[in-house]
Amino acid sequence: MKLETHWVGPGPEEAPTLVFLHDGLGAAGSWKRFAPELSQALGCGALVYSRAGYGSSDPAPFPRPVEFMHGEALVVLPEILEKHGIRRPVLVGHSDGASISLIHAAKHPVLALALESPHVFVEPLTVASIAALRDRYEEVREKLERLHGPGTDATFEGWADVWLRPEFLAWNLEELLPSVTCPVLVVQGEEDEFGTVRQVESIASRVSGPVETVLLPGCGHSPHFQRREETLAAMTAFLRVLLP
């Protein structure tokens, strides 16, 4: 399967590597400004890629299974890391990408997690917001096409379908969290339309490693875009003291 990938900065033999995992409607292009800035600030390499069904990567099977994030975290991501010679990455994940990062870190060694707007269980707010976005899809379609091109409709429907399926309501990562032993930073917008601070509280109370949390007033679901400077500063300060 062909995946869209981009590399910024030094290779894994020279410096630690940041691996960026996008949100449920994002792609490698979602990080086009933020990833180089964080990489430069830390002197790290950065691997940015689009998951199957996103950006210019190959399409993903439809419908997606309820456990699709586990497949990404435990099968696809390890293959990508091995291919690029990355042994202990720093995972920078947004939304679905943050959840994938947590699943991976519960089973594989990582240096740290820097997470934005993670999901560890399904909230009524999340379901309602996705359903509302599906109803007004034509209003956002043009914006999404800039990331996904001709595959935009399949990308959106694949994401919305699995999150709105009744059986997905039972999806929950909380039992995995005690197995996460690395340092974790969680950045959350106080006005996040897809999740509440309960997600942050669950992570902070359950992971075994040290946790820092940053709540951004007036910020929605995409801190690295909506509050880029504050998010960049928070991640830089958090990671600078951890990286060799």
C-alpha atoms as a PDB file:
ATOM      1  CA  MET A   1       0.000   0.000   0.000  1.00  0.00           C
ATOM      2  CA  LYS A   2       1.356   3.402  -0.991  1.00  0.00           C
ATOM      3  CA  LEU A   3       1.248   6.089   1.708  1.00  0.00           C
ATOM      4  CA  GLU A   4       2.010   9.778   1.267  1.00  0.00           C
ATOM      5  CA  THR A   5       5.047  10.581   3.437  1.00  0.00           C
ATOM      6  CA  HIS A   6       7.239  13.636   3.981  1.00  0.00           C
ATOM      7  CA  TRP A   7      10.470  13.972   5.965  1.00  0.00           C
ATOM      8  CA  VAL A   8      11.769  17.171   7.572  1.00  0.00           C
ATOM      9  CA  GLY A   9      15.115  17.686   9.299  1.00  0.00           C
ATOM     10  CA  PRO A  10      17.808  15.184  10.363  1.00  0.00           C
ATOM     11  CA  GLY A  11      17.440  11.429  10.012  1.00  0.00           C
ATOM     12  CA  PRO A  12      16.854   9.020  12.923  1.00  0.00           C
ATOM     13  CA  GLU A  13      20.561   8.169  13.137  1.00  0.00           C
ATOM     14  CA  GLU A  14      21.330  11.827  13.929  1.00  0.00           C
ATOM     15  CA  ALA A  15      18.476  12.981  16.195  1.00  0.00           C
ATOM     16  CA  PRO A  16      15.176  11.879  17.745  1.00  0.00           C
ATOM     17  CA  THR A  17      12.239  11.733  15.339  1.00  0.00           C
ATOM     18  CA  LEU A  18       8.829  13.336  15.694  1.00  0.00           C
ATOM     19  CA  VAL A  19       6.089  11.315  13.976  1.00  0.00           C
ATOM     20  CA  PHE A  20       2.927  13.281  13.203  1.00  0.00           C
ATOM     21  CA  LEU A  21      -0.463  11.540  13.130  1.00  0.00           C
ATOM     22  CA  HIS A  22      -3.325  13.576  11.708  1.00  0.00           C
ATOM     23  CA  ASP A  23      -6.975  13.800  12.738  1.00  0.00           C
ATOM     24  CA  GLY A  24      -9.944  11.957  11.262  1.00  0.00           C
ATOM     25  CA  LEU A  25     -10.405  14.404   8.396  1.00  0.00           C
ATOM     26  CA  GLY A  26      -6.781  15.510   8.088  1.00  0.00           C
ATOM     27  CA  ALA A  27      -3.748  14.395   6.119  1.00  0.00           C
ATOM     28  CA  ALA A  28      -0.027  15.063   5.926  1.00  0.00           C
ATOM     29  CA  GLY A  29      -0.898  18.536   4.629  1.00  0.00           C
ATOM     30  CA  SER A  30      -2.607  19.369   7.924  1.00  0.00           C
ATOM     31  CA  TRP A  31       0.850  19.688   9.505  1.00  0.00           C
ATOM     32  CA  LYS A  32       2.577  21.565   6.654  1.00  0.00           C
ATOM     33  CA  ARG A  33       3.477  24.610   8.758  1.00  0.00           C
ATOM     34  CA  PHE A  34       3.499  23.190  12.284  1.00  0.00           C
ATOM     35  CA  ALA A  35       5.702  20.120  11.735  1.00  0.00           C
ATOM     36  CA  PRO A  36       8.714  22.025  10.329  1.00  0.00           C
ATOM     37  CA  GLU A  37       8.463  24.632  13.088  1.00  0.00           C
ATOM     38  CA  LEU A  38       8.405  22.056  15.898  1.00  0.00           C
ATOM     39  CA  SER A  39      11.170  20.058  14.217  1.00  0.00           C
ATOM     40  CA  GLN A  40      13.377  23.138  13.913  1.00  0.00           C
ATOM     41  CA  ALA A  41      12.669  24.312  17.466  1.00  0.00           C
ATOM     42  CA  LEU A  42      13.807  20.936  18.856  1.00  0.00           C
ATOM     43  CA  GLY A  43      16.502  20.028  16.358  1.00  0.00           C
ATOM     44  CA  CYS A  44      14.634  16.819  15.574  1.00  0.00           C
ATOM     45  CA  GLY A  45      13.655  15.032  12.423  1.00  0.00           C
ATOM     46  CA  ALA A  46       9.968  14.822  11.558  1.00  0.00           C
ATOM     47  CA  LEU A  47       8.033  12.183   9.657  1.00  0.00           C
ATOM     48  CA  VAL A  48       4.618  13.298   8.433  1.00  0.00           C
ATOM     49  CA  TYR A  49       2.338  10.881   6.606  1.00  0.00           C
ATOM     50  CA  SER A  50      -1.236  10.402   5.449  1.00  0.00           C
ATOM     51  CA  ARG A  51      -3.002   7.235   6.559  1.00  0.00           C
ATOM     52  CA  ALA A  52      -4.686   5.043   3.950  1.00  0.00           C
ATOM     53  CA  GLY A  53      -7.778   6.805   2.621  1.00  0.00           C
ATOM     54  CA  TYR A  54      -6.340  10.281   3.253  1.00  0.00           C
ATOM     55  CA  GLY A  55      -4.405  12.832   1.238  1.00  0.00           C
ATOM     56  CA  SER A  56      -2.662  11.197  -1.716  1.00  0.00           C
ATOM     57  CA  SER A  57      -2.304   7.802   0.018  1.00  0.00           C
ATOM     58  CA  ASP A  58      -4.016   4.739  -1.422  1.00  0.00           C
ATOM     59  CA  PRO A  59      -7.719   4.297  -0.587  1.00  0.00           C
ATOM     60  CA  ALA A  60      -8.805   2.471   2.561  1.00  0.00           C
ATOM     61  CA  PRO A  61     -11.343  -0.395   2.637  1.00  0.00           C
ATOM     62  CA  PHE A  62     -14.931   0.652   3.340  1.00  0.00           C
ATOM     63  CA  PRO A  63     -16.607   0.359   5.755  1.00  0.00           C
ATOM     64  CA  ARG A  64     -13.909   0.786   8.362  1.00  0.00           C
ATOM     65  CA  PRO A  65     -13.980  -1.667  11.275  1.00  0.00           C
ATOM     66  CA  VAL A  66     -14.784  -0.335  14.738  1.00  0.00           C
ATOM     67  CA  GLU A  67     -11.219  -1.201  15.787  1.00  0.00           C
ATOM     68  CA  PHE A  68      -9.647   0.698  12.868  1.00  0.00           C
ATOM     69  CA  MET A  69      -7.491   2.828  15.181  1.00  0.00           C
ATOM     70  CA  HIS A  70      -6.037  -0.292  16.795  1.00  0.00           C
ATOM     71  CA  GLY A  71      -5.079  -1.556  13.349  1.00  0.00           C
ATOM     72  CA  GLU A  72      -3.325   1.710  12.560  1.00  0.00           C
ATOM     73  CA  ALA A  73      -1.506   1.757  15.899  1.00  0.00           C
ATOM     74  CA  LEU A  74      -0.461  -1.868  16.168  1.00  0.00           C
ATOM     75  CA  VAL A  75       0.030  -2.926  12.541  1.00  0.00           C
ATOM     76  CA  VAL A  76       0.528   0.018  10.188  1.00  0.00           C
ATOM     77  CA  LEU A  77       2.503   2.410  12.397  1.00  0.00           C
ATOM     78  CA  PRO A  78       5.092  -0.211  13.491  1.00  0.00           C
ATOM     79  CA  GLU A  79       5.681  -1.042   9.810  1.00  0.00           C
ATOM     80  CA  ILE A  80       6.215   2.637   8.987  1.00  0.00           C
ATOM     81  CA  LEU A  81       8.616   3.127  11.878  1.00  0.00           C
ATOM     82  CA  GLU A  82      10.618   0.041  10.917  1.00  0.00           C
ATOM     83  CA  LYS A  83      10.783   1.131   7.281  1.00  0.00           C
ATOM     84  CA  HIS A  84      12.271   4.487   8.281  1.00  0.00           C
ATOM     85  CA  GLY A  85      14.601   3.122  10.958  1.00  0.00           C
ATOM     86  CA  ILE A  86      12.806   4.852  13.841  1.00  0.00           C
ATOM     87  CA  ARG A  87      13.096   2.885  17.095  1.00  0.00           C
ATOM     88  CA  ARG A  88      11.681   5.202  19.781  1.00  0.00           C
ATOM     89  CA  PRO A  89       9.667   8.020  18.251  1.00  0.00           C
ATOM     90  CA  VAL A  90       7.973  11.022  19.750  1.00  0.00           C
ATOM     91  CA  LEU A  91       4.376  10.720  18.577  1.00  0.00           C
ATOM     92  CA  VAL A  92       2.570  13.999  17.902  1.00  0.00           C
ATOM     93  CA  GLY A  93      -1.084  13.120  17.418  1.00  0.00           C
ATOM     94  CA  HIS A  94      -4.258  15.104  16.784  1.00  0.00           C
ATOM     95  CA  SER A  95      -7.750  13.733  17.550  1.00  0.00           C
ATOM     96  CA  ASP A  96      -7.936  10.240  15.960  1.00  0.00           C
ATOM     97  CA  GLY A  97      -4.155  10.514  15.547  1.00  0.00           C
ATOM     98  CA  ALA A  98      -3.808  11.175  19.275  1.00  0.00           C
ATOM     99  CA  SER A  99      -5.890   8.098  20.071  1.00  0.00           C
ATOM    100  CA  ILE A 100      -3.737   6.019  17.712  1.00  0.00           C
ATOM    101  CA  SER A 101      -0.663   7.383  19.501  1.00  0.00           C
ATOM    102  CA  LEU A 102      -1.979   6.245  22.884  1.00  0.00           C
ATOM    103  CA  ILE A 103      -2.770   2.747  21.613  1.00  0.00           C
ATOM    104  CA  HIS A 104       0.700   2.438  20.100  1.00  0.00           C
ATOM    105  CA  ALA A 105       2.434   3.715  23.244  1.00  0.00           C
ATOM    106  CA  ALA A 106       0.590   1.153  25.361  1.00  0.00           C
ATOM    107  CA  LYS A 107       2.276  -1.653  23.391  1.00  0.00           C
ATOM    108  CA  HIS A 108       5.512  -0.197  21.964  1.00  0.00           C
ATOM    109  CA  PRO A 109       8.386   1.950  23.303  1.00  0.00           C
ATOM    110  CA  VAL A 110       8.137   5.669  22.573  1.00  0.00           C
ATOM    111  CA  LEU A 111      10.060   8.626  23.979  1.00  0.00           C
ATOM    112  CA  ALA A 112       6.990  10.782  24.602  1.00  0.00           C
ATOM    113  CA  LEU A 113       3.500  11.679  23.426  1.00  0.00           C
ATOM    114  CA  ALA A 114       2.401  15.197  22.507  1.00  0.00           C
ATOM    115  CA  LEU A 115      -1.356  14.992  21.997  1.00  0.00           C
ATOM    116  CA  GLU A 116      -4.036  17.395  20.812  1.00  0.00           C
ATOM    117  CA  SER A 117      -7.747  16.814  21.400  1.00  0.00           C
ATOM    118  CA  PRO A 118      -7.475  13.051  22.043  1.00  0.00           C
ATOM    119  CA  HIS A 119     -10.413  10.653  22.306  1.00  0.00           C
ATOM    120  CA  VAL A 120     -10.353   7.747  24.760  1.00  0.00           C
ATOM    121  CA  PHE A 121     -14.114   7.111  24.823  1.00  0.00           C
ATOM    122  CA  VAL A 122     -17.150   8.250  22.857  1.00  0.00           C
ATOM    123  CA  GLU A 123     -19.086  11.249  24.169  1.00  0.00           C
ATOM    124  CA  PRO A 124     -22.575  12.405  23.124  1.00  0.00           C
ATOM    125  CA  LEU A 125     -21.019  15.727  22.072  1.00  0.00           C
ATOM    126  CA  THR A 126     -18.709  13.931  19.636  1.00  0.00           C
ATOM    127  CA  VAL A 127     -21.515  11.970  18.011  1.00  0.00           C
ATOM    128  CA  ALA A 128     -23.769  15.025  17.749  1.00  0.00           C
ATOM    129  CA  SER A 129     -21.033  17.181  16.208  1.00  0.00           C
ATOM    130  CA  ILE A 130     -20.099  14.550  13.624  1.00  0.00           C
ATOM    131  CA  ALA A 131     -23.755  14.039  12.703  1.00  0.00           C
ATOM    132  CA  ALA A 132     -24.199  17.809  12.318  1.00  0.00           C
ATOM    133  CA  LEU A 133     -21.070  18.041  10.155  1.00  0.00           C
ATOM    134  CA  ARG A 134     -22.342  15.212   7.961  1.00  0.00           C
ATOM    135  CA  ASP A 135     -25.587  17.124   7.432  1.00  0.00           C
ATOM    136  CA  ARG A 136     -23.681  20.177   6.177  1.00  0.00           C
ATOM    137  CA  TYR A 137     -20.969  18.295   4.339  1.00  0.00           C
ATOM    138  CA  GLU A 138     -21.335  20.343   1.155  1.00  0.00           C
ATOM    139  CA  GLU A 139     -20.317  23.447   3.118  1.00  0.00           C
ATOM    140  CA  VAL A 140     -16.928  21.945   4.039  1.00  0.00           C
ATOM    141  CA  ARG A 141     -16.323  19.774   0.984  1.00  0.00           C
ATOM    142  CA  GLU A 142     -14.264  22.343  -0.923  1.00  0.00           C
ATOM    143  CA  LYS A 143     -11.920  22.859   2.044  1.00  0.00           C
ATOM    144  CA  LEU A 144     -11.427  19.103   2.447  1.00  0.00           C
ATOM    145  CA  GLU A 145     -10.706  18.704  -1.262  1.00  0.00           C
ATOM    146  CA  ARG A 146      -7.502  20.706  -0.794  1.00  0.00           C
ATOM    147  CA  LEU A 147      -6.200  17.840   1.352  1.00  0.00           C
ATOM    148  CA  HIS A 148      -7.817  14.791  -0.228  1.00  0.00           C
ATOM    149  CA  GLY A 149      -8.494  15.662  -3.868  1.00  0.00           C
ATOM    150  CA  PRO A 150     -10.772  13.274  -5.767  1.00  0.00           C
ATOM    151  CA  GLY A 151     -10.986  10.925  -2.781  1.00  0.00           C
ATOM    152  CA  THR A 152     -12.658  13.541  -0.563  1.00  0.00           C
ATOM    153  CA  ASP A 153     -16.143  12.016  -0.520  1.00  0.00           C
ATOM    154  CA  ALA A 154     -14.826   8.558   0.401  1.00  0.00           C
ATOM    155  CA  THR A 155     -12.556  10.043   3.084  1.00  0.00           C
ATOM    156  CA  PHE A 156     -15.385  11.921   4.751  1.00  0.00           C
ATOM    157  CA  GLU A 157     -17.934   9.124   4.568  1.00  0.00           C
ATOM    158  CA  GLY A 158     -15.461   6.533   5.829  1.00  0.00           C
ATOM    159  CA  TRP A 159     -14.734   8.668   8.903  1.00  0.00           C
ATOM    160  CA  ALA A 160     -18.318   9.730   9.629  1.00  0.00           C
ATOM    161  CA  ASP A 161     -19.743   6.250   9.044  1.00  0.00           C
ATOM    162  CA  VAL A 162     -17.608   4.483  11.638  1.00  0.00           C
ATOM    163  CA  TRP A 163     -17.978   7.161  14.314  1.00  0.00           C
ATOM    164  CA  LEU A 164     -21.777   7.256  13.887  1.00  0.00           C
ATOM    165  CA  ARG A 165     -22.277   3.490  13.814  1.00  0.00           C
ATOM    166  CA  PRO A 166     -24.221   2.342  16.934  1.00  0.00           C
ATOM    167  CA  GLU A 167     -21.617  -0.285  17.820  1.00  0.00           C
ATOM    168  CA  PHE A 168     -18.905   2.392  17.966  1.00  0.00           C
ATOM    169  CA  LEU A 169     -20.525   3.866  21.085  1.00  0.00           C
ATOM    170  CA  ALA A 170     -18.798   1.163  23.149  1.00  0.00           C
ATOM    171  CA  TRP A 171     -15.329   2.048  21.803  1.00  0.00           C
ATOM    172  CA  ASN A 172     -13.061   2.839  24.769  1.00  0.00           C
ATOM    173  CA  LEU A 173      -9.294   3.050  25.382  1.00  0.00           C
ATOM    174  CA  GLU A 174      -9.300   3.597  29.148  1.00  0.00           C
ATOM    175  CA  GLU A 175      -8.177   0.040  29.983  1.00  0.00           C
ATOM    176  CA  LEU A 176      -5.043   0.585  27.870  1.00  0.00           C
ATOM    177  CA  LEU A 177      -3.977   3.820  29.534  1.00  0.00           C
ATOM    178  CA  PRO A 178      -2.127   2.349  32.569  1.00  0.00           C
ATOM    179  CA  SER A 179       0.232   0.662  30.080  1.00  0.00           C
ATOM    180  CA  VAL A 180       1.336   4.075  28.784  1.00  0.00           C
ATOM    181  CA  THR A 181       4.514   4.750  30.769  1.00  0.00           C
ATOM    182  CA  CYS A 182       6.178   7.515  28.745  1.00  0.00           C
ATOM    183  CA  PRO A 183       5.733  11.261  29.456  1.00  0.00           C
ATOM    184  CA  VAL A 184       2.497  12.652  27.998  1.00  0.00           C
ATOM    185  CA  LEU A 185       1.428  16.188  27.097  1.00  0.00           C
ATOM    186  CA  VAL A 186      -2.250  16.812  26.349  1.00  0.00           C
ATOM    187  CA  VAL A 187      -3.365  20.070  24.712  1.00  0.00           C
ATOM    188  CA  GLN A 188      -7.115  20.672  24.573  1.00  0.00           C
ATOM    189  CA  GLY A 189      -9.242  23.613  23.494  1.00  0.00           C
ATOM    190  CA  GLU A 190     -11.858  24.582  26.041  1.00  0.00           C
ATOM    191  CA  GLU A 191     -14.317  25.138  23.175  1.00  0.00           C
ATOM    192  CA  ASP A 192     -13.563  21.809  21.462  1.00  0.00           C
ATOM    193  CA  GLU A 193     -16.696  20.886  19.540  1.00  0.00           C
ATOM    194  CA  PHE A 194     -15.762  17.186  19.346  1.00  0.00           C
ATOM    195  CA  GLY A 195     -14.794  16.402  22.934  1.00  0.00           C
ATOM    196  CA  THR A 196     -14.823  17.707  26.494  1.00  0.00           C
ATOM    197  CA  VAL A 197     -12.203  18.059  29.217  1.00  0.00           C
ATOM    198  CA  ARG A 198     -13.325  14.640  30.483  1.00  0.00           C
ATOM    199  CA  GLN A 199     -11.032  13.131  27.842  1.00  0.00           C
ATOM    200  CA  VAL A 200      -8.046  14.982  29.317  1.00  0.00           C
ATOM    201  CA  GLU A 201      -9.014  14.044  32.867  1.00  0.00           C
ATOM    202  CA  SER A 202      -9.303  10.377  31.971  1.00  0.00           C
ATOM    203  CA  ILE A 203      -5.841  10.308  30.425  1.00  0.00           C
ATOM    204  CA  ALA A 204      -4.239  12.289  33.254  1.00  0.00           C
ATOM    205  CA  SER A 205      -5.709  10.011  35.920  1.00  0.00           C
ATOM    206  CA  ARG A 206      -4.943   6.687  34.216  1.00  0.00           C
ATOM    207  CA  VAL A 207      -1.598   6.754  32.387  1.00  0.00           C
ATOM    208  CA  SER A 208       1.395   5.544  34.394  1.00  0.00           C
ATOM    209  CA  GLY A 209       3.900   8.114  33.114  1.00  0.00           C
ATOM    210  CA  PRO A 210       4.136  11.812  33.998  1.00  0.00           C
ATOM    211  CA  VAL A 211       1.427  13.988  32.459  1.00  0.00           C
ATOM    212  CA  GLU A 212       1.155  17.663  31.646  1.00  0.00           C
ATOM    213  CA  THR A 213      -2.074  19.261  30.449  1.00  0.00           C
ATOM    214  CA  VAL A 214      -2.725  22.559  28.692  1.00  0.00           C
ATOM    215  CA  LEU A 215      -6.268  23.899  28.314  1.00  0.00           C
ATOM    216  CA  LEU A 216      -6.620  26.730  25.812  1.00  0.00           C
ATOM    217  CA  PRO A 217      -9.556  29.124  26.332  1.00  0.00           C
ATOM    218  CA  GLY A 218     -11.413  30.164  23.212  1.00  0.00           C
ATOM    219  CA  CYS A 219      -9.882  27.284  21.217  1.00  0.00           C
ATOM    220  CA  GLY A 220     -11.731  24.546  19.368  1.00  0.00           C
ATOM    221  CA  HIS A 221     -10.676  21.115  18.128  1.00  0.00           C
ATOM    222  CA  SER A 222      -7.458  22.083  16.300  1.00  0.00           C
ATOM    223  CA  PRO A 223      -5.000  23.815  18.676  1.00  0.00           C
ATOM    224  CA  HIS A 224      -2.012  23.586  16.303  1.00  0.00           C
ATOM    225  CA  PHE A 225      -4.030  25.573  13.765  1.00  0.00           C
ATOM    226  CA  GLN A 226      -6.289  27.763  15.892  1.00  0.00           C
ATOM    227  CA  ARG A 227      -3.724  28.563  18.602  1.00  0.00           C
ATOM    228  CA  ARG A 228      -0.517  27.660  16.817  1.00  0.00           C
ATOM    229  CA  GLU A 229       1.923  29.785  18.818  1.00  0.00           C
ATOM    230  CA  GLU A 230       0.696  28.587  22.221  1.00  0.00           C
ATOM    231  CA  THR A 231       0.613  24.965  21.074  1.00  0.00           C
ATOM    232  CA  LEU A 232       4.081  25.185  19.562  1.00  0.00           C
ATOM    233  CA  ALA A 233       5.441  26.757  22.745  1.00  0.00           C
ATOM    234  CA  ALA A 234       3.812  24.119  24.961  1.00  0.00           C
ATOM    235  CA  MET A 235       5.113  21.192  22.924  1.00  0.00           C
ATOM    236  CA  THR A 236       8.586  22.703  22.578  1.00  0.00           C
ATOM    237  CA  ALA A 237       8.912  23.317  26.323  1.00  0.00           C
ATOM    238  CA  PHE A 238       7.586  19.857  27.171  1.00  0.00           C
ATOM    239  CA  LEU A 239       9.777  17.950  24.735  1.00  0.00           C
ATOM    240  CA  ARG A 240      12.977  19.965  25.057  1.00  0.00           C
ATOM    241  CA  VAL A 241      13.703  18.610  28.554  1.00  0.00           C
ATOM    242  CA  LEU A 242      12.977  15.001  27.518  1.00  0.00           C
ATOM    243  CA  LEU A 243      14.910  14.565  24.290  1.00  0.00           C
ATOM    244  CA  PRO A 244      18.518  13.410  24.296  1.00  0.00           C
END
